[in-house]
Amino acid sequence: FLEMVHSLPDSDEKSKVQDHLKSTAFVISCRLPTSDITEAGY
């Protein structure tokens, strides 16, 4: 994600995201079953 963000145009938001990613301690990923999910799931 740092590599992906690096290719985006410079901005304050880009800097904030880069700083946050660099200080991340853990990542929680959620896999949503898009073929079988309702509004309650979202």
Full PDB file with SEQRES, HELIX, SHEET, SSBOND, CRYST1, ORIGX, SCALE, CONECT and MASTER records, all heavy atoms in Angstrom:
SEQRES   1 A   42  PHE LEU GLU MET VAL HIS SER LEU PRO ASP SER ASP GLU          
SEQRES   2 A   42  LYS SER LYS VAL GLN ASP HIS LEU LYS SER THR ALA PHE          
SEQRES   3 A   42  VAL ILE SER CYS ARG LEU PRO THR SER ASP ILE THR GLU          
SEQRES   4 A   42  ALA GLY TYR                                                  
HELIX    1 AA1 LEU A    2  HIS A    6  1                                   5    
HELIX    2 AA2 ASP A   12  LYS A   22  1                                  11    
CRYST1    1.000    1.000    1.000  90.00  90.00  90.00 P 1           1          
ORIGX1      1.000000  0.000000  0.000000        0.00000                         
ORIGX2      0.000000  1.000000  0.000000        0.00000                         
ORIGX3      0.000000  0.000000  1.000000        0.00000                         
SCALE1      1.000000  0.000000  0.000000        0.00000                         
SCALE2      0.000000  1.000000  0.000000        0.00000                         
SCALE3      0.000000  0.000000  1.000000        0.00000                         
ATOM      1  N   PHE A   1       0.814  -1.209   0.000  1.00  0.00           N  
ATOM      2  CA  PHE A   1       0.000   0.000   0.000  1.00  0.00           C  
ATOM      3  C   PHE A   1       0.853   1.267   0.000  1.00  0.00           C  
ATOM      4  O   PHE A   1       0.470   2.274  -0.613  1.00  0.00           O  
ATOM      5  CB  PHE A   1      -1.012  -0.021   1.145  1.00  0.00           C  
ATOM      6  CG  PHE A   1      -2.196  -0.872   0.816  1.00  0.00           C  
ATOM      7  CD1 PHE A   1      -2.276  -2.174   1.275  1.00  0.00           C  
ATOM      8  CD2 PHE A   1      -3.214  -0.393   0.011  1.00  0.00           C  
ATOM      9  CE1 PHE A   1      -3.354  -2.982   0.946  1.00  0.00           C  
ATOM     10  CE2 PHE A   1      -4.300  -1.186  -0.333  1.00  0.00           C  
ATOM     11  CZ  PHE A   1      -4.364  -2.490   0.139  1.00  0.00           C  
ATOM     12  N   LEU A   2       2.010   1.232   0.636  1.00  0.00           N  
ATOM     13  CA  LEU A   2       2.914   2.390   0.561  1.00  0.00           C  
ATOM     14  C   LEU A   2       3.355   2.624  -0.882  1.00  0.00           C  
ATOM     15  O   LEU A   2       3.421   3.776  -1.337  1.00  0.00           O  
ATOM     16  CB  LEU A   2       4.131   2.180   1.464  1.00  0.00           C  
ATOM     17  CG  LEU A   2       3.931   2.453   2.944  1.00  0.00           C  
ATOM     18  CD1 LEU A   2       5.115   1.960   3.753  1.00  0.00           C  
ATOM     19  CD2 LEU A   2       3.685   3.939   3.184  1.00  0.00           C  
ATOM     20  N   GLU A   3       3.633   1.552  -1.588  1.00  0.00           N  
ATOM     21  CA  GLU A   3       4.022   1.664  -2.991  1.00  0.00           C  
ATOM     22  C   GLU A   3       2.880   2.233  -3.835  1.00  0.00           C  
ATOM     23  O   GLU A   3       3.082   3.107  -4.676  1.00  0.00           O  
ATOM     24  CB  GLU A   3       4.440   0.290  -3.524  1.00  0.00           C  
ATOM     25  CG  GLU A   3       5.016   0.323  -4.917  1.00  0.00           C  
ATOM     26  CD  GLU A   3       5.511  -1.043  -5.350  1.00  0.00           C  
ATOM     27  OE1 GLU A   3       6.238  -1.692  -4.566  1.00  0.00           O  
ATOM     28  OE2 GLU A   3       5.147  -1.453  -6.465  1.00  0.00           O  
ATOM     29  N   MET A   4       1.673   1.754  -3.592  1.00  0.00           N  
ATOM     30  CA  MET A   4       0.507   2.240  -4.332  1.00  0.00           C  
ATOM     31  C   MET A   4       0.272   3.731  -4.044  1.00  0.00           C  
ATOM     32  O   MET A   4       0.063   4.525  -4.957  1.00  0.00           O  
ATOM     33  CB  MET A   4      -0.733   1.425  -3.957  1.00  0.00           C  
ATOM     34  CG  MET A   4      -1.990   1.756  -4.768  1.00  0.00           C  
ATOM     35  SD  MET A   4      -3.065   3.021  -4.065  1.00  0.00           S  
ATOM     36  CE  MET A   4      -3.506   2.344  -2.500  1.00  0.00           C  
ATOM     37  N   VAL A   5       0.350   4.114  -2.779  1.00  0.00           N  
ATOM     38  CA  VAL A   5       0.122   5.502  -2.388  1.00  0.00           C  
ATOM     39  C   VAL A   5       1.229   6.407  -2.940  1.00  0.00           C  
ATOM     40  O   VAL A   5       0.976   7.543  -3.347  1.00  0.00           O  
ATOM     41  CB  VAL A   5       0.007   5.622  -0.851  1.00  0.00           C  
ATOM     42  CG1 VAL A   5       0.059   7.061  -0.388  1.00  0.00           C  
ATOM     43  CG2 VAL A   5      -1.263   4.938  -0.363  1.00  0.00           C  
ATOM     44  N   HIS A   6       2.451   5.896  -2.983  1.00  0.00           N  
ATOM     45  CA  HIS A   6       3.590   6.675  -3.483  1.00  0.00           C  
ATOM     46  C   HIS A   6       3.348   7.191  -4.901  1.00  0.00           C  
ATOM     47  O   HIS A   6       3.774   8.296  -5.252  1.00  0.00           O  
ATOM     48  CB  HIS A   6       4.862   5.824  -3.437  1.00  0.00           C  
ATOM     49  CG  HIS A   6       6.074   6.531  -3.946  1.00  0.00           C  
ATOM     50  ND1 HIS A   6       6.702   7.526  -3.235  1.00  0.00           N  
ATOM     51  CD2 HIS A   6       6.757   6.412  -5.119  1.00  0.00           C  
ATOM     52  CE1 HIS A   6       7.722   7.976  -3.938  1.00  0.00           C  
ATOM     53  NE2 HIS A   6       7.778   7.320  -5.086  1.00  0.00           N  
ATOM     54  N   SER A   7       2.632   6.406  -5.702  1.00  0.00           N  
ATOM     55  CA  SER A   7       2.393   6.791  -7.098  1.00  0.00           C  
ATOM     56  C   SER A   7       1.285   7.834  -7.253  1.00  0.00           C  
ATOM     57  O   SER A   7       1.078   8.357  -8.348  1.00  0.00           O  
ATOM     58  CB  SER A   7       2.053   5.555  -7.935  1.00  0.00           C  
ATOM     59  OG  SER A   7       0.819   5.010  -7.521  1.00  0.00           O  
ATOM     60  N   LEU A   8       0.568   8.154  -6.194  1.00  0.00           N  
ATOM     61  CA  LEU A   8      -0.507   9.152  -6.253  1.00  0.00           C  
ATOM     62  C   LEU A   8       0.072  10.562  -6.168  1.00  0.00           C  
ATOM     63  O   LEU A   8       1.167  10.764  -5.636  1.00  0.00           O  
ATOM     64  CB  LEU A   8      -1.499   8.920  -5.109  1.00  0.00           C  
ATOM     65  CG  LEU A   8      -2.228   7.576  -5.113  1.00  0.00           C  
ATOM     66  CD1 LEU A   8      -3.063   7.415  -3.852  1.00  0.00           C  
ATOM     67  CD2 LEU A   8      -3.091   7.431  -6.361  1.00  0.00           C  
ATOM     68  N   PRO A   9      -0.656  11.558  -6.662  1.00  0.00           N  
ATOM     69  CA  PRO A   9      -0.175  12.944  -6.568  1.00  0.00           C  
ATOM     70  C   PRO A   9       0.023  13.371  -5.113  1.00  0.00           C  
ATOM     71  O   PRO A   9      -0.704  12.943  -4.220  1.00  0.00           O  
ATOM     72  CB  PRO A   9      -1.308  13.759  -7.211  1.00  0.00           C  
ATOM     73  CG  PRO A   9      -2.094  12.792  -8.025  1.00  0.00           C  
ATOM     74  CD  PRO A   9      -1.939  11.455  -7.359  1.00  0.00           C  
ATOM     75  N   ASP A  10       1.016  14.230  -4.893  1.00  0.00           N  
ATOM     76  CA  ASP A  10       1.308  14.711  -3.537  1.00  0.00           C  
ATOM     77  C   ASP A  10       0.140  15.524  -2.989  1.00  0.00           C  
ATOM     78  O   ASP A  10      -0.487  16.297  -3.708  1.00  0.00           O  
ATOM     79  CB  ASP A  10       2.566  15.575  -3.537  1.00  0.00           C  
ATOM     80  CG  ASP A  10       3.833  14.753  -3.748  1.00  0.00           C  
ATOM     81  OD1 ASP A  10       3.786  13.526  -3.517  1.00  0.00           O  
ATOM     82  OD2 ASP A  10       4.861  15.339  -4.141  1.00  0.00           O  
ATOM     83  N   SER A  11      -0.133  15.304  -1.702  1.00  0.00           N  
ATOM     84  CA  SER A  11      -1.185  16.047  -1.000  1.00  0.00           C  
ATOM     85  C   SER A  11      -1.001  15.834   0.490  1.00  0.00           C  
ATOM     86  O   SER A  11      -0.257  14.935   0.914  1.00  0.00           O  
ATOM     87  CB  SER A  11      -2.585  15.565  -1.422  1.00  0.00           C  
ATOM     88  OG  SER A  11      -2.792  14.237  -0.979  1.00  0.00           O  
ATOM     89  N   ASP A  12      -1.693  16.638   1.295  1.00  0.00           N  
ATOM     90  CA  ASP A  12      -1.658  16.451   2.741  1.00  0.00           C  
ATOM     91  C   ASP A  12      -2.226  15.088   3.114  1.00  0.00           C  
ATOM     92  O   ASP A  12      -1.709  14.412   4.010  1.00  0.00           O  
ATOM     93  CB  ASP A  12      -2.453  17.552   3.455  1.00  0.00           C  
ATOM     94  CG  ASP A  12      -1.761  18.899   3.404  1.00  0.00           C  
ATOM     95  OD1 ASP A  12      -0.535  18.951   3.124  1.00  0.00           O  
ATOM     96  OD2 ASP A  12      -2.441  19.920   3.638  1.00  0.00           O  
ATOM     97  N   GLU A  13      -3.295  14.683   2.424  1.00  0.00           N  
ATOM     98  CA  GLU A  13      -3.927  13.383   2.705  1.00  0.00           C  
ATOM     99  C   GLU A  13      -2.975  12.241   2.404  1.00  0.00           C  
ATOM    100  O   GLU A  13      -2.893  11.275   3.158  1.00  0.00           O  
ATOM    101  CB  GLU A  13      -5.225  13.240   1.908  1.00  0.00           C  
ATOM    102  CG  GLU A  13      -6.331  14.168   2.343  1.00  0.00           C  
ATOM    103  CD  GLU A  13      -6.187  15.599   1.814  1.00  0.00           C  
ATOM    104  OE1 GLU A  13      -5.308  15.858   0.944  1.00  0.00           O  
ATOM    105  OE2 GLU A  13      -6.937  16.465   2.289  1.00  0.00           O  
ATOM    106  N   LYS A  14      -2.248  12.356   1.295  1.00  0.00           N  
ATOM    107  CA  LYS A  14      -1.270  11.323   0.944  1.00  0.00           C  
ATOM    108  C   LYS A  14      -0.217  11.202   2.047  1.00  0.00           C  
ATOM    109  O   LYS A  14       0.114  10.093   2.475  1.00  0.00           O  
ATOM    110  CB  LYS A  14      -0.606  11.660  -0.395  1.00  0.00           C  
ATOM    111  CG  LYS A  14       0.519  10.712  -0.783  1.00  0.00           C  
ATOM    112  CD  LYS A  14       1.175  11.123  -2.092  1.00  0.00           C  
ATOM    113  CE  LYS A  14       2.403  10.290  -2.382  1.00  0.00           C  
ATOM    114  NZ  LYS A  14       3.016  10.648  -3.679  1.00  0.00           N  
ATOM    115  N   SER A  15       0.279  12.318   2.528  1.00  0.00           N  
ATOM    116  CA  SER A  15       1.287  12.303   3.599  1.00  0.00           C  
ATOM    117  C   SER A  15       0.731  11.670   4.874  1.00  0.00           C  
ATOM    118  O   SER A  15       1.418  10.885   5.532  1.00  0.00           O  
ATOM    119  CB  SER A  15       1.774  13.716   3.899  1.00  0.00           C  
ATOM    120  OG  SER A  15       2.461  14.235   2.792  1.00  0.00           O  
ATOM    121  N   LYS A  16      -0.529  12.009   5.220  1.00  0.00           N  
ATOM    122  CA  LYS A  16      -1.151  11.437   6.418  1.00  0.00           C  
ATOM    123  C   LYS A  16      -1.287   9.919   6.283  1.00  0.00           C  
ATOM    124  O   LYS A  16      -1.019   9.183   7.234  1.00  0.00           O  
ATOM    125  CB  LYS A  16      -2.529  12.066   6.659  1.00  0.00           C  
ATOM    126  CG  LYS A  16      -2.472  13.488   7.137  1.00  0.00           C  
ATOM    127  CD  LYS A  16      -3.867  14.079   7.278  1.00  0.00           C  
ATOM    128  CE  LYS A  16      -3.796  15.553   7.555  1.00  0.00           C  
ATOM    129  NZ  LYS A  16      -5.112  16.197   7.567  1.00  0.00           N  
ATOM    130  N   VAL A  17      -1.718   9.452   5.108  1.00  0.00           N  
ATOM    131  CA  VAL A  17      -1.867   8.004   4.892  1.00  0.00           C  
ATOM    132  C   VAL A  17      -0.506   7.325   4.957  1.00  0.00           C  
ATOM    133  O   VAL A  17      -0.351   6.288   5.607  1.00  0.00           O  
ATOM    134  CB  VAL A  17      -2.587   7.721   3.556  1.00  0.00           C  
ATOM    135  CG1 VAL A  17      -2.491   6.249   3.169  1.00  0.00           C  
ATOM    136  CG2 VAL A  17      -4.053   8.167   3.633  1.00  0.00           C  
ATOM    137  N   GLN A  18       0.502   7.892   4.332  1.00  0.00           N  
ATOM    138  CA  GLN A  18       1.846   7.297   4.374  1.00  0.00           C  
ATOM    139  C   GLN A  18       2.366   7.220   5.806  1.00  0.00           C  
ATOM    140  O   GLN A  18       2.906   6.181   6.218  1.00  0.00           O  
ATOM    141  CB  GLN A  18       2.812   8.111   3.503  1.00  0.00           C  
ATOM    142  CG  GLN A  18       2.584   7.924   2.027  1.00  0.00           C  
ATOM    143  CD  GLN A  18       3.433   8.856   1.177  1.00  0.00           C  
ATOM    144  OE1 GLN A  18       3.568  10.052   1.482  1.00  0.00           O  
ATOM    145  NE2 GLN A  18       3.999   8.309   0.109  1.00  0.00           N  
ATOM    146  N   ASP A  19       2.214   8.294   6.570  1.00  0.00           N  
ATOM    147  CA  ASP A  19       2.667   8.296   7.966  1.00  0.00           C  
ATOM    148  C   ASP A  19       1.927   7.230   8.774  1.00  0.00           C  
ATOM    149  O   ASP A  19       2.531   6.537   9.592  1.00  0.00           O  
ATOM    150  CB  ASP A  19       2.467   9.676   8.597  1.00  0.00           C  
ATOM    151  CG  ASP A  19       3.410  10.725   8.037  1.00  0.00           C  
ATOM    152  OD1 ASP A  19       4.406  10.356   7.377  1.00  0.00           O  
ATOM    153  OD2 ASP A  19       3.136  11.930   8.244  1.00  0.00           O  
ATOM    154  N   HIS A  20       0.619   7.129   8.539  1.00  0.00           N  
ATOM    155  CA  HIS A  20      -0.175   6.134   9.272  1.00  0.00           C  
ATOM    156  C   HIS A  20       0.284   4.713   8.916  1.00  0.00           C  
ATOM    157  O   HIS A  20       0.475   3.881   9.805  1.00  0.00           O  
ATOM    158  CB  HIS A  20      -1.656   6.304   8.967  1.00  0.00           C  
ATOM    159  CG  HIS A  20      -2.528   5.516   9.876  1.00  0.00           C  
ATOM    160  ND1 HIS A  20      -3.190   6.080  10.942  1.00  0.00           N  
ATOM    161  CD2 HIS A  20      -2.816   4.189   9.921  1.00  0.00           C  
ATOM    162  CE1 HIS A  20      -3.858   5.135  11.591  1.00  0.00           C  
ATOM    163  NE2 HIS A  20      -3.653   3.985  10.978  1.00  0.00           N  
ATOM    164  N   LEU A  21       0.459   4.447   7.638  1.00  0.00           N  
ATOM    165  CA  LEU A  21       0.898   3.112   7.228  1.00  0.00           C  
ATOM    166  C   LEU A  21       2.245   2.763   7.843  1.00  0.00           C  
ATOM    167  O   LEU A  21       2.455   1.626   8.305  1.00  0.00           O  
ATOM    168  CB  LEU A  21       0.971   3.019   5.697  1.00  0.00           C  
ATOM    169  CG  LEU A  21      -0.367   3.036   4.959  1.00  0.00           C  
ATOM    170  CD1 LEU A  21      -0.145   3.151   3.450  1.00  0.00           C  
ATOM    171  CD2 LEU A  21      -1.188   1.798   5.287  1.00  0.00           C  
ATOM    172  N   LYS A  22       3.161   3.718   7.877  1.00  0.00           N  
ATOM    173  CA  LYS A  22       4.494   3.466   8.432  1.00  0.00           C  
ATOM    174  C   LYS A  22       4.453   3.161   9.930  1.00  0.00           C  
ATOM    175  O   LYS A  22       5.328   2.471  10.450  1.00  0.00           O  
ATOM    176  CB  LYS A  22       5.408   4.657   8.166  1.00  0.00           C  
ATOM    177  CG  LYS A  22       5.783   4.800   6.709  1.00  0.00           C  
ATOM    178  CD  LYS A  22       6.568   6.075   6.458  1.00  0.00           C  
ATOM    179  CE  LYS A  22       6.824   6.261   4.972  1.00  0.00           C  
ATOM    180  NZ  LYS A  22       7.476   7.563   4.699  1.00  0.00           N  
ATOM    181  N   SER A  23       3.435   3.653  10.622  1.00  0.00           N  
ATOM    182  CA  SER A  23       3.340   3.417  12.071  1.00  0.00           C  
ATOM    183  C   SER A  23       2.316   2.341  12.433  1.00  0.00           C  
ATOM    184  O   SER A  23       1.987   2.161  13.604  1.00  0.00           O  
ATOM    185  CB  SER A  23       3.035   4.727  12.806  1.00  0.00           C  
ATOM    186  OG  SER A  23       1.807   5.254  12.376  1.00  0.00           O  
ATOM    187  N   THR A  24       1.831   1.615  11.443  1.00  0.00           N  
ATOM    188  CA  THR A  24       0.851   0.552  11.676  1.00  0.00           C  
ATOM    189  C   THR A  24       1.483  -0.607  12.439  1.00  0.00           C  
ATOM    190  O   THR A  24       2.584  -1.055  12.106  1.00  0.00           O  
ATOM    191  CB  THR A  24       0.283   0.044  10.329  1.00  0.00           C  
ATOM    192  OG1 THR A  24      -0.483   1.097   9.737  1.00  0.00           O  
ATOM    193  CG2 THR A  24      -0.587  -1.172  10.498  1.00  0.00           C  
ATOM    194  N   ALA A  25       0.785  -1.098  13.461  1.00  0.00           N  
ATOM    195  CA  ALA A  25       1.253  -2.239  14.255  1.00  0.00           C  
ATOM    196  C   ALA A  25       0.604  -3.545  13.808  1.00  0.00           C  
ATOM    197  O   ALA A  25       1.210  -4.607  13.918  1.00  0.00           O  
ATOM    198  CB  ALA A  25       0.958  -2.008  15.729  1.00  0.00           C  
ATOM    199  N   PHE A  26      -0.642  -3.476  13.330  1.00  0.00           N  
ATOM    200  CA  PHE A  26      -1.325  -4.674  12.848  1.00  0.00           C  
ATOM    201  C   PHE A  26      -2.391  -4.283  11.829  1.00  0.00           C  
ATOM    202  O   PHE A  26      -2.851  -3.131  11.803  1.00  0.00           O  
ATOM    203  CB  PHE A  26      -1.940  -5.496  13.991  1.00  0.00           C  
ATOM    204  CG  PHE A  26      -3.016  -4.805  14.772  1.00  0.00           C  
ATOM    205  CD1 PHE A  26      -4.352  -4.935  14.422  1.00  0.00           C  
ATOM    206  CD2 PHE A  26      -2.696  -4.033  15.879  1.00  0.00           C  
ATOM    207  CE1 PHE A  26      -5.350  -4.291  15.150  1.00  0.00           C  
ATOM    208  CE2 PHE A  26      -3.682  -3.389  16.617  1.00  0.00           C  
ATOM    209  CZ  PHE A  26      -5.009  -3.521  16.251  1.00  0.00           C  
ATOM    210  N   VAL A  27      -2.732  -5.247  10.985  1.00  0.00           N  
ATOM    211  CA  VAL A  27      -3.737  -5.032   9.946  1.00  0.00           C  
ATOM    212  C   VAL A  27      -4.857  -6.044  10.150  1.00  0.00           C  
ATOM    213  O   VAL A  27      -4.599  -7.247  10.282  1.00  0.00           O  
ATOM    214  CB  VAL A  27      -3.137  -5.222   8.533  1.00  0.00           C  
ATOM    215  CG1 VAL A  27      -4.201  -4.979   7.460  1.00  0.00           C  
ATOM    216  CG2 VAL A  27      -1.927  -4.326   8.328  1.00  0.00           C  
ATOM    217  N   ILE A  28      -6.075  -5.558  10.189  1.00  0.00           N  
ATOM    218  CA  ILE A  28      -7.234  -6.452  10.230  1.00  0.00           C  
ATOM    219  C   ILE A  28      -7.930  -6.349   8.877  1.00  0.00           C  
ATOM    220  O   ILE A  28      -8.301  -5.258   8.445  1.00  0.00           O  
ATOM    221  CB  ILE A  28      -8.186  -6.108  11.383  1.00  0.00           C  
ATOM    222  CG1 ILE A  28      -7.475  -6.420  12.707  1.00  0.00           C  
ATOM    223  CG2 ILE A  28      -9.501  -6.880  11.246  1.00  0.00           C  
ATOM    224  CD1 ILE A  28      -8.311  -6.344  13.944  1.00  0.00           C  
ATOM    225  N   SER A  29      -8.039  -7.508   8.216  1.00  0.00           N  
ATOM    226  CA  SER A  29      -8.675  -7.585   6.899  1.00  0.00           C  
ATOM    227  C   SER A  29     -10.025  -8.270   7.028  1.00  0.00           C  
ATOM    228  O   SER A  29     -10.150  -9.292   7.705  1.00  0.00           O  
ATOM    229  CB  SER A  29      -7.805  -8.393   5.935  1.00  0.00           C  
ATOM    230  OG  SER A  29      -6.536  -7.821   5.814  1.00  0.00           O  
ATOM    231  N   CYS A  30     -11.008  -7.717   6.352  1.00  0.00           N  
ATOM    232  CA  CYS A  30     -12.357  -8.274   6.331  1.00  0.00           C  
ATOM    233  C   CYS A  30     -12.661  -8.716   4.905  1.00  0.00           C  
ATOM    234  O   CYS A  30     -12.569  -7.899   3.980  1.00  0.00           O  
ATOM    235  CB  CYS A  30     -13.379  -7.221   6.753  1.00  0.00           C  
ATOM    236  SG  CYS A  30     -12.993  -6.398   8.308  1.00  0.00           S  
ATOM    237  N   ARG A  31     -12.996  -9.989   4.757  1.00  0.00           N  
ATOM    238  CA  ARG A  31     -13.363 -10.511   3.437  1.00  0.00           C  
ATOM    239  C   ARG A  31     -14.875 -10.647   3.390  1.00  0.00           C  
ATOM    240  O   ARG A  31     -15.463 -11.495   4.063  1.00  0.00           O  
ATOM    241  CB  ARG A  31     -12.706 -11.859   3.174  1.00  0.00           C  
ATOM    242  CG  ARG A  31     -13.048 -12.393   1.803  1.00  0.00           C  
ATOM    243  CD  ARG A  31     -12.245 -13.651   1.499  1.00  0.00           C  
ATOM    244  NE  ARG A  31     -12.716 -14.229   0.277  1.00  0.00           N  
ATOM    245  CZ  ARG A  31     -13.401 -15.359   0.201  1.00  0.00           C  
ATOM    246  NH1 ARG A  31     -13.670 -16.043   1.298  1.00  0.00           N  
ATOM    247  NH2 ARG A  31     -13.798 -15.824  -0.952  1.00  0.00           N  
ATOM    248  N   LEU A  32     -15.492  -9.801   2.582  1.00  0.00           N  
ATOM    249  CA  LEU A  32     -16.943  -9.790   2.462  1.00  0.00           C  
ATOM    250  C   LEU A  32     -17.351 -10.649   1.268  1.00  0.00           C  
ATOM    251  O   LEU A  32     -16.834 -10.457   0.166  1.00  0.00           O  
ATOM    252  CB  LEU A  32     -17.452  -8.363   2.272  1.00  0.00           C  
ATOM    253  CG  LEU A  32     -17.010  -7.346   3.333  1.00  0.00           C  
ATOM    254  CD1 LEU A  32     -17.536  -5.971   2.980  1.00  0.00           C  
ATOM    255  CD2 LEU A  32     -17.466  -7.760   4.695  1.00  0.00           C  
ATOM    256  N   PRO A  33     -18.268 -11.571   1.462  1.00  0.00           N  
ATOM    257  CA  PRO A  33     -18.725 -12.437   0.364  1.00  0.00           C  
ATOM    258  C   PRO A  33     -19.728 -11.691  -0.521  1.00  0.00           C  
ATOM    259  O   PRO A  33     -20.943 -11.788  -0.342  1.00  0.00           O  
ATOM    260  CB  PRO A  33     -19.371 -13.611   1.094  1.00  0.00           C  
ATOM    261  CG  PRO A  33     -19.893 -13.003   2.365  1.00  0.00           C  
ATOM    262  CD  PRO A  33     -18.916 -11.904   2.731  1.00  0.00           C  
ATOM    263  N   THR A  34     -19.238 -10.932  -1.480  1.00  0.00           N  
ATOM    264  CA  THR A  34     -20.096 -10.028  -2.252  1.00  0.00           C  
ATOM    265  C   THR A  34     -21.223 -10.727  -2.998  1.00  0.00           C  
ATOM    266  O   THR A  34     -22.236 -10.099  -3.292  1.00  0.00           O  
ATOM    267  CB  THR A  34     -19.270  -9.201  -3.254  1.00  0.00           C  
ATOM    268  OG1 THR A  34     -18.514 -10.100  -4.078  1.00  0.00           O  
ATOM    269  CG2 THR A  34     -18.343  -8.253  -2.530  1.00  0.00           C  
ATOM    270  N   SER A  35     -21.067 -12.004  -3.298  1.00  0.00           N  
ATOM    271  CA  SER A  35     -22.141 -12.710  -3.995  1.00  0.00           C  
ATOM    272  C   SER A  35     -23.237 -13.158  -3.036  1.00  0.00           C  
ATOM    273  O   SER A  35     -24.282 -13.640  -3.468  1.00  0.00           O  
ATOM    274  CB  SER A  35     -21.578 -13.927  -4.740  1.00  0.00           C  
ATOM    275  OG  SER A  35     -21.022 -14.835  -3.808  1.00  0.00           O  
ATOM    276  N   ASP A  36     -22.993 -12.997  -1.725  1.00  0.00           N  
ATOM    277  CA  ASP A  36     -23.946 -13.501  -0.742  1.00  0.00           C  
ATOM    278  C   ASP A  36     -23.888 -12.644   0.523  1.00  0.00           C  
ATOM    279  O   ASP A  36     -23.443 -13.091   1.572  1.00  0.00           O  
ATOM    280  CB  ASP A  36     -23.609 -14.970  -0.417  1.00  0.00           C  
ATOM    281  CG  ASP A  36     -24.617 -15.611   0.513  1.00  0.00           C  
ATOM    282  OD1 ASP A  36     -25.821 -15.381   0.325  1.00  0.00           O  
ATOM    283  OD2 ASP A  36     -24.193 -16.340   1.428  1.00  0.00           O  
ATOM    284  N   ILE A  37     -24.315 -11.393   0.390  1.00  0.00           N  
ATOM    285  CA  ILE A  37     -24.300 -10.496   1.550  1.00  0.00           C  
ATOM    286  C   ILE A  37     -25.506  -9.563   1.451  1.00  0.00           C  
ATOM    287  O   ILE A  37     -25.943  -9.189   0.373  1.00  0.00           O  
ATOM    288  CB  ILE A  37     -22.969  -9.704   1.639  1.00  0.00           C  
ATOM    289  CG1 ILE A  37     -22.844  -8.996   2.996  1.00  0.00           C  
ATOM    290  CG2 ILE A  37     -22.788  -8.777   0.466  1.00  0.00           C  
ATOM    291  CD1 ILE A  37     -21.450  -8.456   3.287  1.00  0.00           C  
ATOM    292  N   THR A  38     -26.033  -9.210   2.619  1.00  0.00           N  
ATOM    293  CA  THR A  38     -27.175  -8.306   2.681  1.00  0.00           C  
ATOM    294  C   THR A  38     -26.739  -6.997   3.330  1.00  0.00           C  
ATOM    295  O   THR A  38     -25.597  -6.859   3.789  1.00  0.00           O  
ATOM    296  CB  THR A  38     -28.320  -8.922   3.505  1.00  0.00           C  
ATOM    297  OG1 THR A  38     -27.872  -9.054   4.865  1.00  0.00           O  
ATOM    298  CG2 THR A  38     -28.753 -10.276   2.946  1.00  0.00           C  
ATOM    299  N   GLU A  39     -27.665  -6.078   3.423  1.00  0.00           N  
ATOM    300  CA  GLU A  39     -27.381  -4.806   4.075  1.00  0.00           C  
ATOM    301  C   GLU A  39     -26.930  -5.024   5.520  1.00  0.00           C  
ATOM    302  O   GLU A  39     -26.058  -4.315   6.024  1.00  0.00           O  
ATOM    303  CB  GLU A  39     -28.611  -3.907   4.027  1.00  0.00           C  
ATOM    304  CG  GLU A  39     -28.344  -2.518   4.549  1.00  0.00           C  
ATOM    305  CD  GLU A  39     -29.521  -1.573   4.374  1.00  0.00           C  
ATOM    306  OE1 GLU A  39     -30.377  -1.813   3.503  1.00  0.00           O  
ATOM    307  OE2 GLU A  39     -29.576  -0.594   5.130  1.00  0.00           O  
ATOM    308  N   ALA A  40     -27.500  -6.011   6.177  1.00  0.00           N  
ATOM    309  CA  ALA A  40     -27.096  -6.309   7.561  1.00  0.00           C  
ATOM    310  C   ALA A  40     -25.625  -6.710   7.622  1.00  0.00           C  
ATOM    311  O   ALA A  40     -24.915  -6.360   8.569  1.00  0.00           O  
ATOM    312  CB  ALA A  40     -27.974  -7.413   8.153  1.00  0.00           C  
ATOM    313  N   GLY A  41     -25.145  -7.435   6.633  1.00  0.00           N  
ATOM    314  CA  GLY A  41     -23.733  -7.818   6.587  1.00  0.00           C  
ATOM    315  C   GLY A  41     -22.833  -6.612   6.417  1.00  0.00           C  
ATOM    316  O   GLY A  41     -21.793  -6.500   7.078  1.00  0.00           O  
ATOM    317  N   TYR A  42     -23.228  -5.714   5.531  1.00  0.00           N  
ATOM    318  CA  TYR A  42     -22.448  -4.483   5.359  1.00  0.00           C  
ATOM    319  C   TYR A  42     -22.485  -3.644   6.631  1.00  0.00           C  
ATOM    320  O   TYR A  42     -21.471  -3.063   7.028  1.00  0.00           O  
ATOM    321  CB  TYR A  42     -22.972  -3.668   4.170  1.00  0.00           C  
ATOM    322  CG  TYR A  42     -22.629  -4.284   2.830  1.00  0.00           C  
ATOM    323  CD1 TYR A  42     -23.628  -4.738   1.987  1.00  0.00           C  
ATOM    324  CD2 TYR A  42     -21.303  -4.407   2.409  1.00  0.00           C  
ATOM    325  CE1 TYR A  42     -23.319  -5.297   0.746  1.00  0.00           C  
ATOM    326  CE2 TYR A  42     -20.987  -4.964   1.183  1.00  0.00           C  
ATOM    327  CZ  TYR A  42     -21.994  -5.409   0.349  1.00  0.00           C  
ATOM    328  OH  TYR A  42     -21.685  -5.969  -0.861  1.00  0.00           O  
TER     329      TYR A  42                                                      
MASTER        0    0    0    2    0    0    0    6  328    1    0    4          
END                                                                             
